[in-house]
Amino acid sequence: MGGLPLESWALVTVIASAAVFGTLYILASILRDATRRVDLYKRVAELRAEYARQAAEMAERRTRSPQYVEVVEEALPVRHAA
C-alpha cells in the first residue's frame, strides 16, 4: 500500500480541516450580514411608516379649522385649612 506517509496524511487533514472551517466561518459571516441587512430594512420600513403617519397627522392638524370652545367658569367652593 504505497502511498503517502502518515505525517503527510496528517498535514493534508489539517489543511483540509482549516479550509472547511474557514469556508464555514465565511459563510456564517455572510449569513450574519444578510440577517442584519434584513433587520435594518425592516427598521427603515417601520421608521418610514412612522414618519408618514406623523406627517399625515401634522397635515391634518394644519388643514383642520380651529374649533372654538366657550369657556365656562364656575365658582368652585373654597376650603380653608382648619
N, C-alpha and C. Protein backbone atom coordinates (compact mmCIF):
# COMPACT_ATOMS: atom_id res chain seq x y z
N MET A 1 0.85 -1.16 0.00
CA MET A 1 0.00 0.00 0.00
C MET A 1 0.89 1.23 0.00
N GLY A 2 1.50 1.43 -1.10
CA GLY A 2 2.44 2.53 -1.12
C GLY A 2 1.73 3.83 -1.27
N GLY A 3 1.77 4.67 -0.47
CA GLY A 3 1.09 5.95 -0.56
C GLY A 3 1.89 6.95 0.21
N LEU A 4 1.20 7.89 0.69
CA LEU A 4 1.86 8.92 1.48
C LEU A 4 2.07 8.42 2.90
N PRO A 5 3.13 8.88 3.52
CA PRO A 5 3.35 8.51 4.92
C PRO A 5 2.31 9.16 5.83
N LEU A 6 2.24 8.70 7.03
CA LEU A 6 1.24 9.16 8.00
C LEU A 6 1.35 10.66 8.25
N GLU A 7 2.56 11.19 8.29
CA GLU A 7 2.74 12.63 8.53
C GLU A 7 2.13 13.45 7.40
N SER A 8 2.25 12.98 6.18
CA SER A 8 1.68 13.69 5.03
C SER A 8 0.16 13.68 5.11
N TRP A 9 -0.41 12.53 5.49
CA TRP A 9 -1.86 12.46 5.63
C TRP A 9 -2.33 13.40 6.74
N ALA A 10 -1.58 13.48 7.81
CA ALA A 10 -1.94 14.39 8.90
C ALA A 10 -1.90 15.84 8.43
N LEU A 11 -0.88 16.18 7.64
CA LEU A 11 -0.78 17.54 7.10
C LEU A 11 -1.93 17.84 6.15
N VAL A 12 -2.29 16.88 5.30
CA VAL A 12 -3.42 17.06 4.37
C VAL A 12 -4.70 17.23 5.17
N THR A 13 -4.88 16.45 6.22
CA THR A 13 -6.07 16.54 7.06
C THR A 13 -6.17 17.90 7.73
N VAL A 14 -5.04 18.39 8.25
CA VAL A 14 -5.04 19.70 8.91
C VAL A 14 -5.38 20.80 7.91
N ILE A 15 -4.79 20.75 6.73
CA ILE A 15 -5.04 21.77 5.72
C ILE A 15 -6.50 21.71 5.26
N ALA A 16 -7.02 20.51 5.02
CA ALA A 16 -8.41 20.37 4.58
C ALA A 16 -9.36 20.84 5.68
N SER A 17 -9.07 20.50 6.93
CA SER A 17 -9.92 20.95 8.04
C SER A 17 -9.92 22.47 8.16
N ALA A 18 -8.74 23.07 8.03
CA ALA A 18 -8.66 24.53 8.09
C ALA A 18 -9.45 25.17 6.95
N ALA A 19 -9.38 24.56 5.77
CA ALA A 19 -10.12 25.10 4.62
C ALA A 19 -11.63 24.98 4.85
N VAL A 20 -12.08 23.85 5.38
CA VAL A 20 -13.51 23.65 5.63
C VAL A 20 -14.00 24.63 6.71
N PHE A 21 -13.27 24.72 7.82
CA PHE A 21 -13.69 25.63 8.88
C PHE A 21 -13.63 27.10 8.43
N GLY A 22 -12.63 27.43 7.63
CA GLY A 22 -12.56 28.79 7.10
C GLY A 22 -13.74 29.12 6.19
N THR A 23 -14.10 28.16 5.35
CA THR A 23 -15.25 28.34 4.47
C THR A 23 -16.54 28.48 5.28
N LEU A 24 -16.70 27.64 6.28
CA LEU A 24 -17.89 27.73 7.13
C LEU A 24 -17.95 29.07 7.87
N TYR A 25 -16.81 29.56 8.33
CA TYR A 25 -16.77 30.85 9.02
C TYR A 25 -17.18 31.98 8.08
N ILE A 26 -16.68 31.93 6.85
CA ILE A 26 -17.03 32.97 5.87
C ILE A 26 -18.53 32.90 5.55
N LEU A 27 -19.06 31.70 5.37
CA LEU A 27 -20.49 31.57 5.08
C LEU A 27 -21.34 32.05 6.26
N ALA A 28 -20.91 31.77 7.48
CA ALA A 28 -21.64 32.26 8.66
C ALA A 28 -21.59 33.77 8.72
N SER A 29 -20.46 34.36 8.37
CA SER A 29 -20.34 35.81 8.35
C SER A 29 -21.28 36.43 7.31
N ILE A 30 -21.36 35.81 6.16
CA ILE A 30 -22.27 36.30 5.11
C ILE A 30 -23.72 36.20 5.59
N LEU A 31 -24.06 35.10 6.25
CA LEU A 31 -25.41 34.93 6.76
C LEU A 31 -25.74 35.96 7.84
N ARG A 32 -24.78 36.24 8.75
CA ARG A 32 -25.00 37.26 9.77
C ARG A 32 -25.23 38.63 9.15
N ASP A 33 -24.41 38.96 8.14
CA ASP A 33 -24.58 40.25 7.47
C ASP A 33 -25.93 40.35 6.77
N ALA A 34 -26.35 39.26 6.15
CA ALA A 34 -27.65 39.27 5.47
C ALA A 34 -28.78 39.43 6.49
N THR A 35 -28.65 38.79 7.64
CA THR A 35 -29.67 38.92 8.68
C THR A 35 -29.72 40.35 9.20
N ARG A 36 -28.56 40.94 9.43
CA ARG A 36 -28.52 42.34 9.88
C ARG A 36 -29.13 43.26 8.83
N ARG A 37 -28.85 42.98 7.56
CA ARG A 37 -29.39 43.82 6.49
C ARG A 37 -30.92 43.73 6.45
N VAL A 38 -31.45 42.52 6.61
CA VAL A 38 -32.91 42.34 6.63
C VAL A 38 -33.51 43.08 7.81
N ASP A 39 -32.87 42.97 8.99
CA ASP A 39 -33.36 43.69 10.17
C ASP A 39 -33.29 45.20 9.95
N LEU A 40 -32.23 45.65 9.31
CA LEU A 40 -32.09 47.08 9.03
C LEU A 40 -33.18 47.56 8.07
N TYR A 41 -33.45 46.79 7.02
CA TYR A 41 -34.50 47.17 6.07
C TYR A 41 -35.86 47.20 6.76
N LYS A 42 -36.09 46.24 7.67
CA LYS A 42 -37.35 46.22 8.41
C LYS A 42 -37.47 47.46 9.28
N ARG A 43 -36.39 47.83 9.96
CA ARG A 43 -36.40 49.02 10.83
C ARG A 43 -36.61 50.29 10.01
N VAL A 44 -35.98 50.36 8.84
CA VAL A 44 -36.16 51.52 7.96
C VAL A 44 -37.61 51.62 7.52
N ALA A 45 -38.23 50.49 7.18
CA ALA A 45 -39.64 50.50 6.77
C ALA A 45 -40.53 50.96 7.92
N GLU A 46 -40.22 50.52 9.15
CA GLU A 46 -41.00 50.96 10.31
C GLU A 46 -40.85 52.46 10.54
N LEU A 47 -39.63 52.96 10.43
CA LEU A 47 -39.40 54.39 10.63
C LEU A 47 -40.08 55.22 9.54
N ARG A 48 -40.04 54.74 8.31
CA ARG A 48 -40.71 55.46 7.22
C ARG A 48 -42.22 55.49 7.44
N ALA A 49 -42.78 54.38 7.89
CA ALA A 49 -44.22 54.33 8.16
C ALA A 49 -44.57 55.28 9.31
N GLU A 50 -43.75 55.30 10.35
CA GLU A 50 -43.99 56.22 11.48
C GLU A 50 -43.89 57.67 11.02
N TYR A 51 -42.91 57.97 10.20
CA TYR A 51 -42.76 59.33 9.68
C TYR A 51 -43.96 59.72 8.83
N ALA A 52 -44.42 58.80 7.97
CA ALA A 52 -45.59 59.10 7.13
C ALA A 52 -46.82 59.33 7.99
N ARG A 53 -46.98 58.54 9.05
CA ARG A 53 -48.13 58.71 9.95
C ARG A 53 -48.07 60.07 10.63
N GLN A 54 -46.89 60.44 11.13
CA GLN A 54 -46.75 61.74 11.79
C GLN A 54 -46.96 62.89 10.81
N ALA A 55 -46.46 62.74 9.59
CA ALA A 55 -46.65 63.78 8.58
C ALA A 55 -48.13 63.93 8.24
N ALA A 56 -48.85 62.82 8.15
CA ALA A 56 -50.28 62.88 7.87
C ALA A 56 -51.03 63.55 9.01
N GLU A 57 -50.65 63.24 10.26
CA GLU A 57 -51.28 63.89 11.41
C GLU A 57 -51.02 65.39 11.40
N MET A 58 -49.80 65.79 11.10
CA MET A 58 -49.48 67.22 11.06
C MET A 58 -50.25 67.92 9.94
N ALA A 59 -50.35 67.27 8.79
CA ALA A 59 -51.09 67.87 7.67
C ALA A 59 -52.57 67.99 8.03
N GLU A 60 -53.10 66.99 8.72
CA GLU A 60 -54.50 67.05 9.14
C GLU A 60 -54.72 68.19 10.13
N ARG A 61 -53.79 68.35 11.05
CA ARG A 61 -53.92 69.44 12.02
C ARG A 61 -53.85 70.81 11.35
N ARG A 62 -53.01 70.92 10.32
CA ARG A 62 -52.88 72.20 9.63
C ARG A 62 -54.13 72.54 8.83
N THR A 63 -54.75 71.54 8.23
CA THR A 63 -55.90 71.81 7.37
C THR A 63 -57.20 71.91 8.16
N ARG A 64 -57.21 71.38 9.36
CA ARG A 64 -58.42 71.42 10.18
C ARG A 64 -58.64 72.84 10.67
N SER A 65 -59.88 73.30 10.57
CA SER A 65 -60.18 74.64 11.05
C SER A 65 -60.26 74.63 12.57
N PRO A 66 -59.83 75.69 13.18
CA PRO A 66 -59.86 75.71 14.64
C PRO A 66 -61.30 75.71 15.15
N GLN A 67 -61.53 74.99 16.19
CA GLN A 67 -62.86 74.93 16.80
C GLN A 67 -62.78 75.68 18.12
N TYR A 68 -63.59 76.68 18.22
CA TYR A 68 -63.56 77.50 19.42
C TYR A 68 -64.57 76.95 20.42
N VAL A 69 -64.16 76.88 21.63
CA VAL A 69 -65.00 76.35 22.69
C VAL A 69 -65.24 77.48 23.67
N GLU A 70 -66.49 77.62 24.06
CA GLU A 70 -66.83 78.66 25.03
C GLU A 70 -66.37 78.22 26.41
N VAL A 71 -65.63 79.07 27.07
CA VAL A 71 -65.11 78.74 28.38
C VAL A 71 -66.15 79.15 29.41
N VAL A 72 -66.52 78.20 30.22
CA VAL A 72 -67.49 78.46 31.27
C VAL A 72 -66.76 78.34 32.60
N GLU A 73 -66.77 79.42 33.33
CA GLU A 73 -66.10 79.40 34.63
C GLU A 73 -67.15 79.29 35.71
N GLU A 74 -66.98 78.33 36.54
CA GLU A 74 -67.88 78.15 37.65
C GLU A 74 -67.10 78.43 38.93
N ALA A 75 -67.80 78.96 39.88
CA ALA A 75 -67.15 79.21 41.16
C ALA A 75 -67.08 77.90 41.91
N LEU A 76 -65.88 77.50 42.21
CA LEU A 76 -65.67 76.29 42.95
C LEU A 76 -65.67 76.61 44.44
N PRO A 77 -66.20 75.73 45.24
CA PRO A 77 -66.18 76.00 46.70
C PRO A 77 -64.74 76.02 47.19
N VAL A 78 -64.46 76.97 48.04
CA VAL A 78 -63.10 77.12 48.58
C VAL A 78 -63.07 76.52 49.96
N ARG A 79 -62.12 75.69 50.20
CA ARG A 79 -61.97 75.10 51.55
C ARG A 79 -60.79 75.79 52.23
N HIS A 80 -61.02 76.13 53.45
CA HIS A 80 -59.95 76.75 54.23
C HIS A 80 -59.37 75.71 55.17
N ALA A 81 -58.11 75.83 55.41
CA ALA A 81 -57.46 74.90 56.32
C ALA A 81 -57.93 75.14 57.74
N ALA A 82 -58.14 74.09 58.47
CA ALA A 82 -58.64 74.22 59.84
C ALA A 82 -57.54 74.51 60.81
